[in-house]
């Protein structure tokens, strides 16, 4: 219903302020686009194998709260000689770190890359036979909560953490949409509609749709 609420707002605004209407439509398009999933890691960590598993998991689509999720997957190499600076700005980042004898030892490039990402968006993957205690140590060293760290021996282990983070990513998109719409320059009449919508998103989306335009 919230999606209908935003589109209802856009239709109203377009009749009153064409520029503001275009900006709202653009924000809605970005909000509903496929989630951007980046699979990142340094060379030799098994990133390519994990990326293949992630693609297979998402090919069968994730069932999350509110329905299935569409996602676009991209591999990102970290700490490549003479390569461009790594940009991890996906809705969801699957970061691959190698299994070590001492799980608390983290490569500086991995720590730096992880520090640049909102931890709510991260699934940390440790390939191989690492146990839960080892995963927790790796997560602590990388600044990632233990429940977002998984030792992957097969793609079935990836489905649950991906689904959980996808829910979070969607919620963060909802928050971003509200921020963008709240900041759109508009006439006083449009501003009133925007403020009413923002209020109803928090309270009762059905009320706004039932009330219709004023």
N, C-alpha and C. Protein backbone atom coordinates (compact mmCIF):
# COMPACT_ATOMS: atom_id res chain seq x y z
N UNK A 1 0.82 -1.20 0.00
CA UNK A 1 0.00 0.00 0.00
C UNK A 1 0.86 1.26 0.00
N UNK A 2 2.03 1.21 0.67
CA UNK A 2 2.88 2.39 0.72
C UNK A 2 3.34 2.80 -0.68
N UNK A 3 3.59 1.80 -1.55
CA UNK A 3 3.97 2.12 -2.92
C UNK A 3 2.88 2.90 -3.63
N UNK A 4 1.62 2.49 -3.42
CA UNK A 4 0.50 3.22 -4.01
C UNK A 4 0.44 4.65 -3.47
N UNK A 5 0.77 4.80 -2.22
CA UNK A 5 0.77 6.12 -1.59
C UNK A 5 1.74 7.06 -2.30
N UNK A 6 2.97 6.59 -2.54
CA UNK A 6 3.96 7.44 -3.20
C UNK A 6 3.56 7.78 -4.62
N UNK A 7 3.03 6.81 -5.36
CA UNK A 7 2.61 7.08 -6.73
C UNK A 7 1.41 8.03 -6.76
N UNK A 8 0.55 7.90 -5.76
CA UNK A 8 -0.58 8.83 -5.65
C UNK A 8 -0.07 10.25 -5.44
N UNK A 9 0.94 10.40 -4.59
CA UNK A 9 1.55 11.71 -4.37
C UNK A 9 2.14 12.25 -5.67
N UNK A 10 2.89 11.42 -6.39
CA UNK A 10 3.53 11.87 -7.62
C UNK A 10 2.49 12.37 -8.62
N UNK A 11 1.38 11.64 -8.75
CA UNK A 11 0.33 12.05 -9.69
C UNK A 11 -0.26 13.40 -9.30
N UNK A 12 -0.47 13.61 -8.01
CA UNK A 12 -1.00 14.89 -7.55
C UNK A 12 -0.01 16.03 -7.81
N UNK A 13 1.25 15.78 -7.47
CA UNK A 13 2.26 16.83 -7.60
C UNK A 13 2.47 17.22 -9.05
N UNK A 14 2.43 16.25 -9.95
CA UNK A 14 2.63 16.55 -11.37
C UNK A 14 1.62 17.55 -11.90
N UNK A 15 0.42 17.54 -11.33
CA UNK A 15 -0.62 18.47 -11.77
C UNK A 15 -0.37 19.90 -11.27
N UNK A 16 0.44 20.02 -10.23
CA UNK A 16 0.65 21.32 -9.60
C UNK A 16 2.04 21.90 -9.86
N UNK A 17 3.04 21.03 -10.00
CA UNK A 17 4.43 21.48 -10.13
C UNK A 17 5.18 20.43 -10.94
N UNK A 18 5.35 20.69 -12.23
CA UNK A 18 5.92 19.67 -13.13
C UNK A 18 7.32 19.27 -12.70
N UNK A 19 8.15 20.23 -12.32
CA UNK A 19 9.52 19.92 -11.93
C UNK A 19 9.56 19.04 -10.68
N UNK A 20 8.79 19.40 -9.68
CA UNK A 20 8.75 18.59 -8.46
C UNK A 20 8.20 17.19 -8.77
N UNK A 21 7.22 17.11 -9.66
CA UNK A 21 6.67 15.82 -10.04
C UNK A 21 7.71 14.93 -10.70
N UNK A 22 8.54 15.54 -11.58
CA UNK A 22 9.61 14.76 -12.23
C UNK A 22 10.61 14.25 -11.20
N UNK A 23 10.95 15.07 -10.24
CA UNK A 23 11.92 14.67 -9.22
C UNK A 23 11.38 13.52 -8.37
N UNK A 24 10.10 13.58 -8.05
CA UNK A 24 9.50 12.48 -7.27
C UNK A 24 9.47 11.20 -8.09
N UNK A 25 9.12 11.31 -9.37
CA UNK A 25 9.11 10.12 -10.23
C UNK A 25 10.50 9.51 -10.34
N UNK A 26 11.52 10.36 -10.44
CA UNK A 26 12.90 9.87 -10.52
C UNK A 26 13.28 9.13 -9.23
N UNK A 27 12.91 9.72 -8.09
CA UNK A 27 13.20 9.07 -6.81
C UNK A 27 12.48 7.73 -6.69
N UNK A 28 11.24 7.67 -7.20
CA UNK A 28 10.49 6.41 -7.16
C UNK A 28 11.13 5.35 -8.05
N UNK A 29 11.65 5.76 -9.22
CA UNK A 29 12.31 4.81 -10.12
C UNK A 29 13.55 4.22 -9.46
N UNK A 30 14.33 5.06 -8.78
CA UNK A 30 15.51 4.57 -8.07
C UNK A 30 15.12 3.66 -6.92
N UNK A 31 14.02 3.99 -6.27
CA UNK A 31 13.56 3.21 -5.13
C UNK A 31 13.13 1.81 -5.54
N UNK A 32 12.51 1.68 -6.71
CA UNK A 32 11.97 0.39 -7.14
C UNK A 32 12.92 -0.41 -8.04
N UNK A 33 14.09 0.15 -8.36
CA UNK A 33 15.05 -0.56 -9.20
C UNK A 33 15.56 -1.81 -8.47
N UNK A 34 16.10 -2.74 -9.24
CA UNK A 34 16.66 -3.96 -8.64
C UNK A 34 17.73 -3.61 -7.61
N UNK A 35 17.76 -4.37 -6.52
CA UNK A 35 18.80 -4.15 -5.52
C UNK A 35 20.17 -4.42 -6.12
N UNK A 36 21.11 -3.54 -5.83
CA UNK A 36 22.47 -3.68 -6.33
C UNK A 36 23.28 -4.49 -5.31
N UNK A 37 23.70 -5.68 -5.73
CA UNK A 37 24.47 -6.57 -4.87
C UNK A 37 25.90 -6.63 -5.39
N UNK A 38 26.85 -6.25 -4.56
CA UNK A 38 28.26 -6.33 -4.93
C UNK A 38 28.91 -7.48 -4.16
N UNK A 39 29.67 -8.30 -4.89
CA UNK A 39 30.45 -9.37 -4.26
C UNK A 39 31.91 -8.96 -4.36
N UNK A 40 32.51 -8.65 -3.22
CA UNK A 40 33.83 -8.02 -3.21
C UNK A 40 34.84 -8.86 -2.44
N UNK A 41 36.10 -8.64 -2.77
CA UNK A 41 37.18 -9.32 -2.06
C UNK A 41 38.48 -9.20 -2.82
N UNK A 42 39.57 -9.51 -2.13
CA UNK A 42 40.89 -9.47 -2.77
C UNK A 42 41.12 -10.73 -3.60
N UNK A 43 42.13 -10.68 -4.46
CA UNK A 43 42.50 -11.84 -5.26
C UNK A 43 42.91 -12.99 -4.35
N UNK A 44 42.51 -14.19 -4.71
CA UNK A 44 42.90 -15.37 -3.95
C UNK A 44 42.01 -15.70 -2.77
N UNK A 45 40.96 -14.94 -2.58
CA UNK A 45 40.07 -15.20 -1.43
C UNK A 45 38.92 -16.14 -1.77
N UNK A 46 38.75 -16.43 -3.06
CA UNK A 46 37.59 -17.22 -3.47
C UNK A 46 36.40 -16.37 -3.84
N UNK A 47 36.65 -15.08 -4.11
CA UNK A 47 35.54 -14.18 -4.42
C UNK A 47 34.76 -14.63 -5.63
N UNK A 48 35.47 -15.07 -6.69
CA UNK A 48 34.76 -15.46 -7.91
C UNK A 48 33.81 -16.63 -7.67
N UNK A 49 34.25 -17.59 -6.86
CA UNK A 49 33.39 -18.73 -6.55
C UNK A 49 32.16 -18.30 -5.76
N UNK A 50 32.36 -17.40 -4.79
CA UNK A 50 31.23 -16.91 -4.00
C UNK A 50 30.29 -16.11 -4.90
N UNK A 51 30.84 -15.33 -5.81
CA UNK A 51 29.99 -14.56 -6.72
C UNK A 51 29.10 -15.49 -7.54
N UNK A 52 29.67 -16.60 -8.01
CA UNK A 52 28.87 -17.58 -8.75
C UNK A 52 27.74 -18.13 -7.90
N UNK A 53 28.05 -18.42 -6.63
CA UNK A 53 27.01 -18.95 -5.74
C UNK A 53 25.92 -17.90 -5.48
N UNK A 54 26.34 -16.65 -5.28
CA UNK A 54 25.36 -15.59 -5.05
C UNK A 54 24.44 -15.45 -6.25
N UNK A 55 25.01 -15.49 -7.44
CA UNK A 55 24.20 -15.37 -8.66
C UNK A 55 23.20 -16.52 -8.75
N UNK A 56 23.62 -17.73 -8.38
CA UNK A 56 22.70 -18.87 -8.45
C UNK A 56 21.57 -18.72 -7.43
N UNK A 57 21.93 -18.26 -6.22
CA UNK A 57 20.91 -18.05 -5.19
C UNK A 57 19.88 -17.03 -5.67
N UNK A 58 20.37 -15.92 -6.22
CA UNK A 58 19.46 -14.85 -6.63
C UNK A 58 18.72 -15.19 -7.92
N UNK A 59 19.28 -16.09 -8.72
CA UNK A 59 18.58 -16.53 -9.93
C UNK A 59 17.26 -17.18 -9.57
N UNK A 60 17.25 -17.89 -8.44
CA UNK A 60 16.03 -18.55 -7.98
C UNK A 60 15.18 -17.61 -7.14
N UNK A 61 15.65 -16.37 -6.97
CA UNK A 61 14.94 -15.29 -6.29
C UNK A 61 14.79 -15.57 -4.80
N UNK A 62 14.98 -14.52 -4.03
CA UNK A 62 14.86 -14.62 -2.58
C UNK A 62 13.44 -14.27 -2.15
N UNK A 63 12.87 -15.09 -1.29
CA UNK A 63 11.59 -14.76 -0.67
C UNK A 63 11.88 -14.00 0.61
N UNK A 64 11.47 -12.74 0.65
CA UNK A 64 11.70 -11.93 1.83
C UNK A 64 10.37 -11.30 2.24
N UNK A 65 10.38 -10.58 3.36
CA UNK A 65 9.19 -9.89 3.80
C UNK A 65 8.71 -8.96 2.70
N UNK A 66 7.45 -9.05 2.33
CA UNK A 66 6.92 -8.17 1.29
C UNK A 66 7.04 -8.76 -0.10
N UNK A 67 7.51 -10.03 -0.22
CA UNK A 67 7.55 -10.65 -1.53
C UNK A 67 8.97 -11.01 -1.97
N UNK A 68 9.11 -11.30 -3.25
CA UNK A 68 10.41 -11.68 -3.79
C UNK A 68 11.23 -10.42 -4.10
N UNK A 69 12.53 -10.63 -4.29
CA UNK A 69 13.42 -9.50 -4.53
C UNK A 69 14.12 -9.66 -5.88
N UNK A 70 14.19 -8.56 -6.62
CA UNK A 70 14.99 -8.51 -7.84
C UNK A 70 16.35 -7.94 -7.48
N UNK A 71 17.41 -8.52 -8.03
CA UNK A 71 18.75 -8.06 -7.70
C UNK A 71 19.66 -8.12 -8.91
N UNK A 72 20.59 -7.18 -8.98
CA UNK A 72 21.63 -7.15 -10.01
C UNK A 72 22.96 -7.35 -9.32
N UNK A 73 23.73 -8.37 -9.74
CA UNK A 73 24.98 -8.74 -9.07
C UNK A 73 26.18 -8.25 -9.87
N UNK A 74 27.17 -7.71 -9.15
CA UNK A 74 28.42 -7.28 -9.78
C UNK A 74 29.59 -7.69 -8.91
N UNK A 75 30.65 -8.21 -9.52
CA UNK A 75 31.87 -8.54 -8.80
C UNK A 75 32.77 -7.32 -8.68
N UNK A 76 33.41 -7.17 -7.53
CA UNK A 76 34.30 -6.03 -7.28
C UNK A 76 35.61 -6.54 -6.72
N UNK A 77 36.70 -6.34 -7.46
CA UNK A 77 38.03 -6.73 -6.99
C UNK A 77 38.58 -5.64 -6.08
N UNK A 78 39.12 -6.05 -4.94
CA UNK A 78 39.66 -5.13 -3.94
C UNK A 78 41.19 -5.21 -3.93
N UNK A 79 41.83 -4.05 -3.77
CA UNK A 79 43.29 -3.99 -3.60
C UNK A 79 44.02 -4.55 -4.82
N UNK A 80 43.61 -4.12 -6.00
CA UNK A 80 44.27 -4.57 -7.22
C UNK A 80 45.41 -3.62 -7.59
N UNK A 81 46.59 -4.15 -7.96
CA UNK A 81 47.72 -3.29 -8.30
C UNK A 81 47.38 -2.37 -9.48
N UNK A 82 47.65 -1.10 -9.31
CA UNK A 82 47.41 -0.10 -10.35
C UNK A 82 45.94 0.00 -10.77
N UNK A 83 45.05 -0.61 -9.99
CA UNK A 83 43.63 -0.54 -10.32
C UNK A 83 42.98 0.67 -9.68
N UNK A 84 41.74 0.97 -10.06
CA UNK A 84 41.03 2.12 -9.48
C UNK A 84 40.68 1.86 -8.02
N UNK A 85 40.41 2.92 -7.30
CA UNK A 85 39.97 2.77 -5.91
C UNK A 85 38.66 1.99 -5.86
N UNK A 86 38.56 1.11 -4.89
CA UNK A 86 37.35 0.31 -4.73
C UNK A 86 36.20 1.17 -4.21
N UNK A 87 35.05 1.06 -4.87
CA UNK A 87 33.86 1.77 -4.42
C UNK A 87 32.80 0.72 -4.08
N UNK A 88 32.50 0.58 -2.81
CA UNK A 88 31.48 -0.36 -2.36
C UNK A 88 30.26 0.44 -1.93
N UNK A 89 29.35 0.63 -2.89
CA UNK A 89 28.17 1.45 -2.64
C UNK A 89 26.89 0.70 -2.98
N UNK A 90 26.95 -0.63 -2.98
CA UNK A 90 25.76 -1.41 -3.30
C UNK A 90 24.73 -1.37 -2.18
N UNK A 91 23.51 -1.77 -2.53
CA UNK A 91 22.49 -1.92 -1.50
C UNK A 91 22.89 -3.02 -0.52
N UNK A 92 23.58 -4.02 -1.04
CA UNK A 92 24.03 -5.15 -0.25
C UNK A 92 25.43 -5.52 -0.73
N UNK A 93 26.36 -5.67 0.21
CA UNK A 93 27.75 -6.01 -0.13
C UNK A 93 28.08 -7.36 0.50
N UNK A 94 28.40 -8.33 -0.35
CA UNK A 94 28.87 -9.64 0.10
C UNK A 94 30.40 -9.58 0.04
N UNK A 95 31.03 -9.53 1.21
CA UNK A 95 32.48 -9.35 1.25
C UNK A 95 33.13 -10.67 1.64
N UNK A 96 34.12 -11.09 0.84
CA UNK A 96 34.77 -12.39 1.03
C UNK A 96 36.15 -12.18 1.64
N UNK A 97 36.40 -12.84 2.75
CA UNK A 97 37.72 -12.80 3.39
C UNK A 97 38.26 -14.22 3.49
N UNK A 98 39.58 -14.38 3.41
CA UNK A 98 40.14 -15.74 3.43
C UNK A 98 40.11 -16.35 4.83
N UNK A 99 40.07 -17.66 4.87
CA UNK A 99 40.18 -18.38 6.14
C UNK A 99 41.64 -18.39 6.56
N UNK A 100 41.91 -18.03 7.80
CA UNK A 100 43.28 -17.99 8.31
C UNK A 100 43.40 -18.84 9.57
N UNK A 101 44.66 -19.22 9.91
CA UNK A 101 44.88 -19.97 11.15
C UNK A 101 44.45 -19.14 12.35
N UNK A 102 44.70 -17.83 12.28
CA UNK A 102 44.24 -16.93 13.32
C UNK A 102 43.14 -16.06 12.72
N UNK A 103 41.86 -16.36 13.01
CA UNK A 103 40.76 -15.62 12.38
C UNK A 103 40.75 -14.13 12.70
N UNK A 104 41.44 -13.73 13.77
CA UNK A 104 41.44 -12.32 14.15
C UNK A 104 42.40 -11.50 13.31
N UNK A 105 43.23 -12.16 12.50
CA UNK A 105 44.18 -11.45 11.64
C UNK A 105 43.48 -11.07 10.34
N UNK A 106 43.38 -9.79 10.08
CA UNK A 106 42.68 -9.29 8.90
C UNK A 106 43.63 -8.44 8.07
N UNK A 107 43.61 -8.65 6.76
CA UNK A 107 44.45 -7.84 5.87
C UNK A 107 44.00 -6.37 5.95
N UNK A 108 44.95 -5.44 5.98
CA UNK A 108 44.58 -4.01 6.07
C UNK A 108 43.64 -3.55 4.97
N UNK A 109 43.79 -4.11 3.75
CA UNK A 109 42.91 -3.71 2.65
C UNK A 109 41.48 -4.15 2.90
N UNK A 110 41.33 -5.33 3.51
CA UNK A 110 39.98 -5.81 3.85
C UNK A 110 39.36 -4.92 4.93
N UNK A 111 40.16 -4.59 5.94
CA UNK A 111 39.64 -3.76 7.02
C UNK A 111 39.24 -2.37 6.50
N UNK A 112 40.06 -1.81 5.61
CA UNK A 112 39.77 -0.49 5.06
C UNK A 112 38.51 -0.52 4.22
N UNK A 113 38.36 -1.56 3.39
CA UNK A 113 37.18 -1.66 2.54
C UNK A 113 35.92 -1.82 3.39
N UNK A 114 36.00 -2.65 4.42
CA UNK A 114 34.85 -2.89 5.28
C UNK A 114 34.45 -1.63 6.03
N UNK A 115 35.44 -0.85 6.45
CA UNK A 115 35.17 0.36 7.23
C UNK A 115 34.40 1.40 6.43
N UNK A 116 34.48 1.31 5.08
CA UNK A 116 33.81 2.29 4.23
C UNK A 116 32.37 1.93 3.92
N UNK A 117 31.90 0.78 4.42
CA UNK A 117 30.55 0.29 4.11
C UNK A 117 29.69 0.32 5.36
N UNK A 118 28.44 0.74 5.19
CA UNK A 118 27.46 0.65 6.28
C UNK A 118 27.35 -0.81 6.70
N UNK A 119 27.69 -1.17 7.95
CA UNK A 119 27.68 -2.59 8.35
C UNK A 119 26.31 -3.25 8.23
N UNK A 120 25.25 -2.45 8.20
CA UNK A 120 23.92 -3.04 8.04
C UNK A 120 23.74 -3.66 6.66
N UNK A 121 24.58 -3.28 5.71
CA UNK A 121 24.44 -3.75 4.33
C UNK A 121 25.33 -4.96 4.02
N UNK A 122 26.09 -5.44 4.98
CA UNK A 122 27.16 -6.40 4.70
C UNK A 122 26.78 -7.84 5.07
N UNK A 123 27.14 -8.77 4.19
CA UNK A 123 27.23 -10.19 4.54
C UNK A 123 28.70 -10.55 4.36
N UNK A 124 29.33 -10.99 5.43
CA UNK A 124 30.75 -11.36 5.39
C UNK A 124 30.86 -12.86 5.19
N UNK A 125 31.63 -13.25 4.18
CA UNK A 125 31.74 -14.67 3.82
C UNK A 125 33.16 -15.15 4.05
N UNK A 126 33.27 -16.27 4.78
CA UNK A 126 34.56 -16.92 5.01
C UNK A 126 34.49 -18.29 4.33
N UNK A 127 35.12 -18.48 3.18
CA UNK A 127 35.03 -19.77 2.50
C UNK A 127 35.68 -20.88 3.31
N UNK A 128 35.15 -22.08 3.18
CA UNK A 128 35.78 -23.23 3.81
C UNK A 128 35.04 -23.74 5.02
N UNK A 129 35.81 -24.32 5.96
CA UNK A 129 35.23 -25.05 7.09
C UNK A 129 35.27 -24.27 8.40
N UNK A 130 35.33 -22.97 8.35
CA UNK A 130 35.40 -22.17 9.57
C UNK A 130 34.15 -22.39 10.43
N UNK A 131 34.35 -22.58 11.74
CA UNK A 131 33.20 -22.80 12.62
C UNK A 131 32.61 -21.46 13.06
N UNK A 132 31.53 -21.54 13.83
CA UNK A 132 30.85 -20.31 14.25
C UNK A 132 31.75 -19.41 15.08
N UNK A 133 32.57 -20.01 15.95
CA UNK A 133 33.46 -19.20 16.78
C UNK A 133 34.48 -18.47 15.91
N UNK A 134 35.01 -19.17 14.91
CA UNK A 134 35.96 -18.53 14.00
C UNK A 134 35.31 -17.42 13.21
N UNK A 135 34.08 -17.64 12.76
CA UNK A 135 33.34 -16.60 12.02
C UNK A 135 33.13 -15.38 12.90
N UNK A 136 32.81 -15.61 14.17
CA UNK A 136 32.59 -14.49 15.09
C UNK A 136 33.86 -13.67 15.25
N UNK A 137 35.02 -14.34 15.33
CA UNK A 137 36.29 -13.63 15.46
C UNK A 137 36.58 -12.79 14.22
N UNK A 138 36.32 -13.38 13.04
CA UNK A 138 36.53 -12.63 11.80
C UNK A 138 35.60 -11.42 11.76
N UNK A 139 34.36 -11.63 12.12
CA UNK A 139 33.41 -10.52 12.13
C UNK A 139 33.83 -9.41 13.07
N UNK A 140 34.31 -9.78 14.25
CA UNK A 140 34.75 -8.77 15.22
C UNK A 140 35.94 -7.98 14.64
N UNK A 141 36.86 -8.69 14.01
CA UNK A 141 38.03 -8.02 13.44
C UNK A 141 37.65 -7.10 12.28
N UNK A 142 36.57 -7.43 11.59
CA UNK A 142 36.12 -6.63 10.44
C UNK A 142 35.05 -5.62 10.80
N UNK A 143 34.59 -5.64 12.05
CA UNK A 143 33.55 -4.70 12.46
C UNK A 143 32.18 -5.07 11.95
N UNK A 144 31.93 -6.38 11.75
CA UNK A 144 30.65 -6.87 11.24
C UNK A 144 30.00 -7.76 12.31
N UNK A 145 28.72 -7.56 12.61
CA UNK A 145 28.06 -8.39 13.63
C UNK A 145 28.14 -9.87 13.31
N UNK A 146 28.29 -10.74 14.33
CA UNK A 146 28.47 -12.17 14.11
C UNK A 146 27.36 -12.81 13.28
N UNK A 147 26.10 -12.33 13.43
CA UNK A 147 25.01 -12.96 12.69
C UNK A 147 25.03 -12.61 11.21
N UNK A 148 25.98 -11.76 10.80
CA UNK A 148 26.12 -11.41 9.38
C UNK A 148 27.37 -12.04 8.77
N UNK A 149 27.96 -13.01 9.50
CA UNK A 149 29.15 -13.71 9.02
C UNK A 149 28.78 -15.16 8.78
N UNK A 150 29.17 -15.69 7.63
CA UNK A 150 28.81 -17.07 7.32
C UNK A 150 30.00 -17.77 6.66
N UNK A 151 30.24 -19.01 7.09
CA UNK A 151 31.24 -19.86 6.44
C UNK A 151 30.54 -20.62 5.33
N UNK A 152 30.95 -20.39 4.11
CA UNK A 152 30.23 -20.94 2.97
C UNK A 152 30.93 -22.16 2.41
N UNK A 153 30.23 -23.28 2.45
CA UNK A 153 30.68 -24.49 1.79
C UNK A 153 29.76 -24.84 0.63
N UNK A 154 28.67 -24.10 0.52
CA UNK A 154 27.70 -24.30 -0.55
C UNK A 154 26.73 -23.15 -0.55
N UNK A 155 26.06 -22.94 -1.67
CA UNK A 155 25.21 -21.75 -1.80
C UNK A 155 24.00 -21.78 -0.88
N UNK A 156 23.63 -22.98 -0.38
CA UNK A 156 22.47 -23.03 0.52
C UNK A 156 22.73 -22.23 1.80
N UNK A 157 23.99 -22.09 2.20
CA UNK A 157 24.31 -21.32 3.41
C UNK A 157 24.14 -19.83 3.19
N UNK A 158 24.14 -19.40 1.94
CA UNK A 158 24.07 -17.97 1.64
C UNK A 158 22.65 -17.43 1.61
N UNK A 159 21.69 -18.28 1.34
CA UNK A 159 20.33 -17.80 1.09
C UNK A 159 19.76 -17.03 2.27
N UNK A 160 19.89 -17.57 3.49
CA UNK A 160 19.27 -16.90 4.64
C UNK A 160 19.90 -15.54 4.94
N UNK A 161 21.25 -15.43 5.06
CA UNK A 161 21.80 -14.09 5.33
C UNK A 161 21.53 -13.09 4.21
N UNK A 162 21.49 -13.55 2.97
CA UNK A 162 21.16 -12.65 1.87
C UNK A 162 19.73 -12.13 2.00
N UNK A 163 18.82 -13.03 2.36
CA UNK A 163 17.42 -12.61 2.50
C UNK A 163 17.26 -11.61 3.64
N UNK A 164 17.94 -11.85 4.75
CA UNK A 164 17.85 -10.93 5.90
C UNK A 164 18.39 -9.56 5.53
N UNK A 165 19.55 -9.52 4.87
CA UNK A 165 20.14 -8.23 4.48
C UNK A 165 19.32 -7.54 3.40
N UNK A 166 18.65 -8.32 2.55
CA UNK A 166 17.80 -7.71 1.52
C UNK A 166 16.64 -6.96 2.15
N UNK A 167 16.09 -7.51 3.23
CA UNK A 167 15.03 -6.80 3.96
C UNK A 167 15.56 -5.48 4.50
N UNK A 168 16.76 -5.52 5.07
CA UNK A 168 17.37 -4.29 5.60
C UNK A 168 17.62 -3.30 4.47
N UNK A 169 18.12 -3.79 3.34
CA UNK A 169 18.41 -2.90 2.20
C UNK A 169 17.14 -2.22 1.71
N UNK A 170 16.05 -2.95 1.67
CA UNK A 170 14.78 -2.35 1.25
C UNK A 170 14.32 -1.29 2.24
N UNK A 171 14.51 -1.56 3.53
CA UNK A 171 14.11 -0.57 4.53
C UNK A 171 14.96 0.70 4.38
N UNK A 172 16.25 0.53 4.12
CA UNK A 172 17.11 1.70 3.93
C UNK A 172 16.71 2.48 2.68
N UNK A 173 16.26 1.77 1.65
CA UNK A 173 15.76 2.48 0.46
C UNK A 173 14.49 3.26 0.78
N UNK A 174 13.64 2.68 1.60
CA UNK A 174 12.43 3.40 2.01
C UNK A 174 12.81 4.71 2.72
N UNK A 175 13.79 4.61 3.61
CA UNK A 175 14.22 5.80 4.36
C UNK A 175 14.84 6.83 3.42
N UNK A 176 15.61 6.36 2.43
CA UNK A 176 16.23 7.29 1.49
C UNK A 176 15.18 7.98 0.63
N UNK A 177 14.16 7.24 0.20
CA UNK A 177 13.09 7.84 -0.59
C UNK A 177 12.41 8.95 0.20
N UNK A 178 12.11 8.69 1.46
CA UNK A 178 11.47 9.71 2.29
C UNK A 178 12.36 10.94 2.43
N UNK A 179 13.67 10.74 2.60
CA UNK A 179 14.60 11.87 2.72
C UNK A 179 14.64 12.69 1.44
N UNK A 180 14.71 11.99 0.28
CA UNK A 180 14.80 12.70 -1.00
C UNK A 180 13.53 13.50 -1.25
N UNK A 181 12.38 12.87 -1.06
CA UNK A 181 11.11 13.56 -1.31
C UNK A 181 10.96 14.75 -0.36
N UNK A 182 11.37 14.59 0.89
CA UNK A 182 11.26 15.67 1.86
C UNK A 182 12.11 16.88 1.45
N UNK A 183 13.19 16.64 0.72
CA UNK A 183 14.08 17.73 0.35
C UNK A 183 13.83 18.35 -1.01
N UNK A 184 12.80 17.90 -1.74
CA UNK A 184 12.51 18.42 -3.07
C UNK A 184 11.95 19.84 -2.97
N UNK A 185 12.55 20.81 -3.69
CA UNK A 185 11.99 22.17 -3.70
C UNK A 185 10.60 22.16 -4.34
N UNK A 186 9.67 22.85 -3.73
CA UNK A 186 8.29 22.81 -4.23
C UNK A 186 7.52 24.02 -3.76
N UNK A 187 6.39 24.24 -4.40
CA UNK A 187 5.49 25.32 -4.01
C UNK A 187 4.85 24.98 -2.66
N UNK A 188 4.30 25.98 -1.96
CA UNK A 188 3.65 25.69 -0.66
C UNK A 188 2.56 24.63 -0.75
N UNK A 189 1.79 24.65 -1.84
CA UNK A 189 0.70 23.67 -1.97
C UNK A 189 1.26 22.26 -2.10
N UNK A 190 2.33 22.14 -2.89
CA UNK A 190 2.97 20.82 -3.04
C UNK A 190 3.64 20.41 -1.74
N UNK A 191 4.28 21.37 -1.08
CA UNK A 191 4.93 21.07 0.19
C UNK A 191 3.94 20.49 1.20
N UNK A 192 2.71 21.03 1.21
CA UNK A 192 1.70 20.51 2.11
C UNK A 192 1.37 19.05 1.79
N UNK A 193 1.24 18.74 0.49
CA UNK A 193 0.97 17.36 0.09
C UNK A 193 2.11 16.44 0.51
N UNK A 194 3.35 16.90 0.30
CA UNK A 194 4.51 16.09 0.65
C UNK A 194 4.54 15.82 2.15
N UNK A 195 4.32 16.84 2.94
CA UNK A 195 4.36 16.67 4.39
C UNK A 195 3.25 15.74 4.87
N UNK A 196 2.07 15.87 4.27
CA UNK A 196 0.97 14.96 4.63
C UNK A 196 1.35 13.51 4.31
N UNK A 197 1.98 13.33 3.16
CA UNK A 197 2.36 11.98 2.75
C UNK A 197 3.41 11.40 3.68
N UNK A 198 4.42 12.18 3.99
CA UNK A 198 5.46 11.71 4.90
C UNK A 198 4.87 11.31 6.24
N UNK A 199 3.90 12.08 6.70
CA UNK A 199 3.24 11.77 7.97
C UNK A 199 2.45 10.47 7.87
N UNK A 200 1.75 10.29 6.74
CA UNK A 200 0.92 9.10 6.58
C UNK A 200 1.74 7.84 6.33
N UNK A 201 2.91 8.00 5.74
CA UNK A 201 3.79 6.84 5.58
C UNK A 201 4.13 6.26 6.96
N UNK A 202 4.30 7.15 7.92
CA UNK A 202 4.61 6.71 9.27
C UNK A 202 3.38 6.18 10.00
N UNK A 203 2.19 6.69 9.65
CA UNK A 203 0.99 6.34 10.42
C UNK A 203 0.07 5.38 9.70
N UNK A 204 -0.64 5.87 8.67
CA UNK A 204 -1.68 5.05 8.05
C UNK A 204 -1.77 5.36 6.57
N UNK A 205 -1.03 4.60 5.72
CA UNK A 205 -1.05 4.86 4.29
C UNK A 205 -2.45 4.78 3.69
N UNK A 206 -3.32 3.92 4.23
CA UNK A 206 -4.64 3.74 3.65
C UNK A 206 -5.45 5.03 3.73
N UNK A 207 -5.25 5.81 4.79
CA UNK A 207 -6.01 7.03 4.99
C UNK A 207 -5.79 8.00 3.86
N UNK A 208 -4.53 8.14 3.42
CA UNK A 208 -4.23 9.11 2.38
C UNK A 208 -4.89 8.72 1.05
N UNK A 209 -4.78 7.44 0.71
CA UNK A 209 -5.35 6.99 -0.56
C UNK A 209 -6.85 7.15 -0.56
N UNK A 210 -7.48 6.83 0.58
CA UNK A 210 -8.94 6.92 0.66
C UNK A 210 -9.40 8.37 0.60
N UNK A 211 -8.58 9.28 1.18
CA UNK A 211 -8.97 10.69 1.21
C UNK A 211 -8.94 11.32 -0.16
N UNK A 212 -7.98 10.93 -0.98
CA UNK A 212 -7.86 11.48 -2.33
C UNK A 212 -7.36 12.89 -2.32
N UNK A 213 -7.27 13.51 -3.53
CA UNK A 213 -6.73 14.87 -3.63
C UNK A 213 -7.64 15.87 -2.95
N UNK A 214 -7.03 16.94 -2.45
CA UNK A 214 -7.80 18.04 -1.90
C UNK A 214 -7.91 19.16 -2.94
